[in-house]
Amino acid sequence: MDLRGKRLFITGGSSGIGKATAALAVSRGADVVIAARRKSQLDETLAELRASATRPDQKIEAIALDVSDRDAVQRAASEVLGTLGGLDILINNAGIAHVGYLENESPQAYERMIQVNYLGSVWVTQAFLPHFMEKKRGQIAFVSSLLGLMGLFGYSAYCGSKHALTGYADSLRQDLLRYGVQVSILFPADTDTPQLHEENKTKPPETAAVSGTIKPAPPEVVAKAFLDGLAAGKYQIIPGTESQLTMWAVRHFPGVARWVIDRDLKKFWRQGRSA
């Protein structure tokens, strides 16, 4: 996918899938603005991206932004449009994860998941909608998770926020049909990112038991599947054959999929290995 002349804004662009997507977009000639909360990490990523520029006039910028702050998002949108002279592709990637036993989940964890993973994407999208609707073209993409289509032990707060994002994207796709704006949503499995390493610190052993032995995908592989899926006009983008088979089973045989997961959990508890 040649992105020369395309203008991208990527939230959560300082690490993980967002950083890998930004790097690939830059390598394909796009003008890119990334956003993230931590300025020090943002500055490091910005320097890396600029060092890999493929055009002397390529625009590569960064904005410190908390997507859950609606007023800040509105200001950032104006800055992005001014810097890039418009926008062709919006990628809502910013997100956080929390995993743990249900009885230990705090109200604050649920609130933060919704504020960042769901409302953060809504606020960013709404800030750019007037631009896309006026131009009657462009692409709006979301980074969800396989857990935006299914549930998993220990991820109640996270799953709830990602299911909400899936529902929003489903409706938005129809809302924007008459404007010619494409909507896409990425459903990656475990990806080798700093966020996954943080999740693993509090992940219950039951979660690992039912997750199987799937090796986390490199973020660069996920980013390529993401941008290639956008180029192909796909709505749902699911990287990896194993993930695609899992989603096929969940979609067509949900009862069987639940039975398999429940069986593995009960087996784990029978063996007395729970924490």
Protein backbone atom coordinates (compact mmCIF):
# COMPACT_ATOMS: atom_id res chain seq x y z
CA MET A 1 0.00 0.00 0.00
CA ASP A 2 1.63 3.21 -1.21
CA LEU A 3 0.74 6.01 1.21
CA ARG A 4 2.56 8.88 -0.48
CA GLY A 5 0.41 11.97 -0.16
CA LYS A 6 -1.82 10.41 2.49
CA ARG A 7 -2.23 12.15 5.87
CA LEU A 8 -2.62 10.02 9.00
CA PHE A 9 -3.35 10.76 12.65
CA ILE A 10 -2.63 7.91 15.06
CA THR A 11 -3.52 7.98 18.75
CA GLY A 12 -1.48 5.84 21.12
CA GLY A 13 1.32 6.23 18.61
CA SER A 14 4.35 6.17 20.90
CA SER A 15 4.52 2.40 21.46
CA GLY A 16 3.13 -0.98 20.48
CA ILE A 17 0.76 -1.32 17.54
CA GLY A 18 0.39 2.45 17.18
CA LYS A 19 4.13 3.01 16.90
CA ALA A 20 4.56 0.11 14.47
CA THR A 21 1.70 1.43 12.32
CA ALA A 22 3.18 4.92 12.31
CA ALA A 23 6.62 3.56 11.35
CA LEU A 24 5.18 1.53 8.49
CA ALA A 25 3.09 4.46 7.27
CA VAL A 26 6.16 6.72 7.31
CA SER A 27 8.15 4.11 5.37
CA ARG A 28 5.37 4.09 2.77
CA GLY A 29 5.55 7.85 2.34
CA ALA A 30 2.69 9.12 4.49
CA ASP A 31 2.56 12.36 6.44
CA VAL A 32 1.92 11.32 10.05
CA VAL A 33 0.99 12.92 13.36
CA ILE A 34 1.09 10.67 16.42
CA ALA A 35 -0.42 11.32 19.84
CA ALA A 36 0.13 9.79 23.27
CA ARG A 37 0.05 10.80 26.92
CA ARG A 38 3.71 10.45 27.93
CA LYS A 39 5.72 13.25 26.32
CA SER A 40 9.15 11.72 26.91
CA GLN A 41 8.26 8.50 25.12
CA LEU A 42 6.43 10.49 22.45
CA ASP A 43 9.56 12.55 21.76
CA GLU A 44 11.70 9.41 21.46
CA THR A 45 9.29 7.86 18.96
CA LEU A 46 9.05 11.10 17.00
CA ALA A 47 12.83 11.19 16.62
CA GLU A 48 12.85 7.58 15.37
CA LEU A 49 10.10 8.26 12.85
CA ARG A 50 11.79 11.39 11.50
CA ALA A 51 15.05 9.48 11.11
CA SER A 52 13.25 7.00 8.84
CA ALA A 53 11.53 9.60 6.64
CA THR A 54 11.35 8.69 2.95
CA ARG A 55 10.69 12.19 1.58
CA PRO A 56 12.51 15.46 2.30
CA ASP A 57 9.19 17.27 2.70
CA GLN A 58 7.50 14.54 4.74
CA LYS A 59 5.51 15.89 7.70
CA ILE A 60 6.06 13.88 10.88
CA GLU A 61 4.82 15.46 14.11
CA ALA A 62 3.64 14.50 17.61
CA ILE A 63 1.09 15.82 20.10
CA ALA A 64 0.88 15.01 23.81
CA LEU A 65 -2.75 14.05 24.38
CA ASP A 66 -5.01 12.21 26.80
CA VAL A 67 -7.88 11.03 24.60
CA SER A 68 -10.24 10.87 27.58
CA ASP A 69 -10.04 14.68 27.86
CA ARG A 70 -12.71 15.82 25.41
CA ASP A 71 -11.69 19.48 25.39
CA ALA A 72 -8.05 18.57 24.77
CA VAL A 73 -9.11 16.30 21.92
CA GLN A 74 -10.99 19.14 20.22
CA ARG A 75 -7.91 21.37 20.43
CA ALA A 76 -5.68 18.58 19.13
CA ALA A 77 -7.97 17.96 16.15
CA SER A 78 -7.64 21.58 15.04
CA GLU A 79 -3.87 21.35 15.41
CA VAL A 80 -3.66 18.11 13.42
CA LEU A 81 -5.78 19.47 10.57
CA GLY A 82 -3.68 22.62 10.48
CA THR A 83 -0.39 20.72 10.53
CA LEU A 84 -1.34 18.20 7.84
CA GLY A 85 -3.63 20.43 5.82
CA GLY A 86 -6.45 17.91 6.22
CA LEU A 87 -6.73 14.23 7.10
CA ASP A 88 -7.17 11.05 5.07
CA ILE A 89 -6.89 8.30 7.68
CA LEU A 90 -7.75 8.50 11.38
CA ILE A 91 -6.50 5.59 13.50
CA ASN A 92 -7.95 5.32 17.00
CA ASN A 93 -5.36 3.14 18.68
CA ALA A 94 -5.02 4.61 22.19
CA GLY A 95 -6.05 2.10 24.81
CA ILE A 96 -5.22 0.56 28.16
CA ALA A 97 -5.83 -2.86 29.65
CA HIS A 98 -6.53 -4.23 33.10
CA VAL A 99 -6.71 -7.89 34.03
CA GLY A 100 -7.34 -9.58 37.38
CA TYR A 101 -9.79 -11.46 39.52
CA LEU A 102 -13.32 -10.08 39.44
CA GLU A 103 -13.47 -9.60 43.22
CA ASN A 104 -10.41 -7.36 43.04
CA GLU A 105 -11.68 -5.09 40.27
CA SER A 106 -12.20 -1.51 41.43
CA PRO A 107 -14.87 0.89 40.20
CA GLN A 108 -12.01 3.08 39.01
CA ALA A 109 -10.72 0.31 36.73
CA TYR A 110 -14.09 0.02 34.99
CA GLU A 111 -14.39 3.79 34.66
CA ARG A 112 -10.90 4.19 33.23
CA MET A 113 -11.40 1.43 30.67
CA ILE A 114 -14.55 3.14 29.39
CA GLN A 115 -13.00 6.62 29.48
CA VAL A 116 -9.95 5.64 27.42
CA ASN A 117 -10.83 2.58 25.33
CA TYR A 118 -14.37 3.58 24.42
CA LEU A 119 -15.05 7.28 25.03
CA GLY A 120 -11.52 8.25 24.03
CA SER A 121 -12.12 6.81 20.56
CA VAL A 122 -15.57 8.42 20.42
CA TRP A 123 -14.24 11.88 21.33
CA VAL A 124 -11.43 11.68 18.77
CA THR A 125 -13.76 10.44 16.05
CA GLN A 126 -16.38 13.10 16.74
CA ALA A 127 -13.71 15.81 16.64
CA PHE A 128 -12.78 14.84 13.08
CA LEU A 129 -16.23 13.87 11.79
CA PRO A 130 -17.10 17.35 10.42
CA HIS A 131 -13.94 17.22 8.29
CA PHE A 132 -14.65 13.74 6.90
CA MET A 133 -18.32 14.45 6.31
CA GLU A 134 -17.54 17.67 4.47
CA LYS A 135 -14.90 16.03 2.26
CA LYS A 136 -17.09 12.93 1.71
CA ARG A 137 -14.08 10.62 1.74
CA GLY A 138 -11.46 9.18 4.07
CA GLN A 139 -11.04 6.32 6.50
CA ILE A 140 -11.70 6.02 10.22
CA ALA A 141 -10.16 2.98 11.91
CA PHE A 142 -10.26 1.55 15.43
CA VAL A 143 -7.93 -0.84 17.23
CA SER A 144 -10.01 -3.21 19.31
CA SER A 145 -9.01 -6.74 20.35
CA LEU A 146 -10.24 -10.29 19.91
CA LEU A 147 -11.82 -9.55 23.29
CA GLY A 148 -14.01 -7.00 21.53
CA LEU A 149 -15.80 -10.02 20.05
CA MET A 150 -15.66 -12.51 22.92
CA GLY A 151 -15.14 -12.70 26.67
CA LEU A 152 -12.21 -14.06 28.68
CA PHE A 153 -11.66 -14.84 32.34
CA GLY A 154 -10.11 -11.89 34.20
CA TYR A 155 -10.89 -9.27 31.57
CA SER A 156 -14.36 -8.07 32.53
CA ALA A 157 -13.49 -4.36 32.62
CA TYR A 158 -11.43 -4.51 29.44
CA CYS A 159 -13.88 -6.69 27.50
CA GLY A 160 -16.77 -4.40 28.37
CA SER A 161 -14.95 -1.38 26.96
CA LYS A 162 -13.86 -3.17 23.79
CA HIS A 163 -17.35 -4.60 23.15
CA ALA A 164 -18.67 -1.04 23.44
CA LEU A 165 -16.10 0.07 20.86
CA THR A 166 -17.18 -2.72 18.49
CA GLY A 167 -20.82 -1.64 18.76
CA TYR A 168 -19.90 1.98 18.12
CA ALA A 169 -17.87 1.08 15.02
CA ASP A 170 -20.70 -1.13 13.70
CA SER A 171 -23.16 1.76 13.87
CA LEU A 172 -20.68 4.37 12.67
CA ARG A 173 -19.97 2.32 9.53
CA GLN A 174 -23.64 2.55 8.56
CA ASP A 175 -23.95 6.20 9.58
CA LEU A 176 -21.09 7.19 7.27
CA LEU A 177 -22.08 5.15 4.22
CA ARG A 178 -23.85 8.11 2.63
CA TYR A 179 -20.74 10.24 3.13
CA GLY A 180 -18.37 7.81 1.44
CA VAL A 181 -16.22 7.46 4.57
CA GLN A 182 -14.83 3.98 5.20
CA VAL A 183 -14.85 2.54 8.74
CA SER A 184 -12.60 -0.34 9.78
CA ILE A 185 -11.83 -2.09 13.05
CA LEU A 186 -8.80 -4.20 13.93
CA PHE A 187 -9.16 -7.23 16.21
CA PRO A 188 -5.63 -8.34 17.15
CA ALA A 189 -4.83 -11.24 19.48
CA ASP A 190 -1.99 -10.93 22.01
CA THR A 191 0.69 -8.64 20.56
CA ASP A 192 4.20 -8.22 21.95
CA THR A 193 3.79 -4.71 23.33
CA PRO A 194 4.65 -2.94 26.60
CA GLN A 195 0.96 -3.12 27.50
CA LEU A 196 0.94 -6.92 27.25
CA HIS A 197 3.96 -7.13 29.52
CA GLU A 198 2.10 -5.04 32.10
CA GLU A 199 -0.98 -7.25 31.80
CA ASN A 200 1.09 -10.35 32.43
CA LYS A 201 2.11 -9.01 35.85
CA THR A 202 -1.46 -9.35 37.19
CA LYS A 203 -2.90 -11.98 34.86
CA PRO A 204 -4.62 -14.81 36.80
CA PRO A 205 -3.27 -18.31 36.05
CA GLU A 206 -6.75 -19.29 34.87
CA THR A 207 -6.48 -16.73 32.07
CA ALA A 208 -3.21 -18.22 30.88
CA ALA A 209 -4.71 -21.70 31.08
CA VAL A 210 -7.63 -20.93 28.76
CA SER A 211 -5.61 -18.69 26.45
CA GLY A 212 -3.54 -21.63 25.27
CA THR A 213 0.01 -21.33 24.02
CA ILE A 214 -0.46 -18.70 21.32
CA LYS A 215 2.78 -16.77 20.84
CA PRO A 216 2.24 -12.99 20.89
CA ALA A 217 2.54 -11.46 17.43
CA PRO A 218 5.20 -8.83 16.69
CA PRO A 219 3.54 -5.39 16.45
CA GLU A 220 5.12 -4.90 13.01
CA VAL A 221 3.22 -7.94 11.69
CA VAL A 222 -0.05 -6.62 13.11
CA ALA A 223 0.62 -3.15 11.68
CA LYS A 224 1.16 -4.56 8.19
CA ALA A 225 -2.07 -6.56 8.36
CA PHE A 226 -3.81 -3.41 9.58
CA LEU A 227 -2.65 -1.09 6.80
CA ASP A 228 -3.10 -3.77 4.15
CA GLY A 229 -6.64 -4.35 5.41
CA LEU A 230 -7.37 -0.63 5.19
CA ALA A 231 -6.04 -0.55 1.65
CA ALA A 232 -8.32 -3.46 0.73
CA GLY A 233 -11.35 -1.67 2.20
CA LYS A 234 -11.99 -4.32 4.86
CA TYR A 235 -14.30 -3.54 7.75
CA GLN A 236 -13.17 -6.24 10.18
CA ILE A 237 -9.43 -6.91 10.13
CA ILE A 238 -8.29 -9.99 12.07
CA PRO A 239 -4.54 -10.65 11.77
CA GLY A 240 -3.35 -14.26 11.80
CA THR A 241 -4.89 -17.54 10.69
CA GLU A 242 -5.28 -18.87 14.24
CA SER A 243 -7.18 -15.76 15.34
CA GLN A 244 -9.39 -15.95 12.25
CA LEU A 245 -10.25 -19.57 13.03
CA THR A 246 -11.01 -18.66 16.65
CA MET A 247 -13.38 -15.90 15.56
CA TRP A 248 -15.00 -18.20 13.02
CA ALA A 249 -15.74 -20.67 15.81
CA VAL A 250 -17.00 -17.95 18.17
CA ARG A 251 -19.26 -16.51 15.47
CA HIS A 252 -20.70 -19.75 14.06
CA PHE A 253 -20.56 -22.06 17.07
CA PRO A 254 -20.72 -19.78 20.14
CA GLY A 255 -22.11 -22.50 22.38
CA VAL A 256 -19.26 -24.84 21.51
CA ALA A 257 -16.66 -22.09 22.03
CA ARG A 258 -18.08 -21.30 25.48
CA TRP A 259 -18.17 -25.02 26.36
CA VAL A 260 -14.48 -25.42 25.48
CA ILE A 261 -13.43 -22.42 27.59
CA ASP A 262 -15.63 -23.47 30.52
CA ARG A 263 -14.23 -27.00 30.33
CA ASP A 264 -10.66 -25.72 30.54
CA LEU A 265 -11.48 -23.48 33.50
CA LYS A 266 -13.20 -26.30 35.40
CA LYS A 267 -10.29 -28.63 34.66
CA PHE A 268 -7.88 -26.01 36.01
CA TRP A 269 -9.86 -25.68 39.26
CA ARG A 270 -10.25 -29.43 39.69
CA GLN A 271 -6.51 -29.76 39.58
CA GLY A 272 -6.29 -27.27 42.43
CA ARG A 273 -3.92 -24.88 40.69
CA SER A 274 -5.96 -21.71 41.15
CA ALA A 275 -4.38 -18.86 43.09
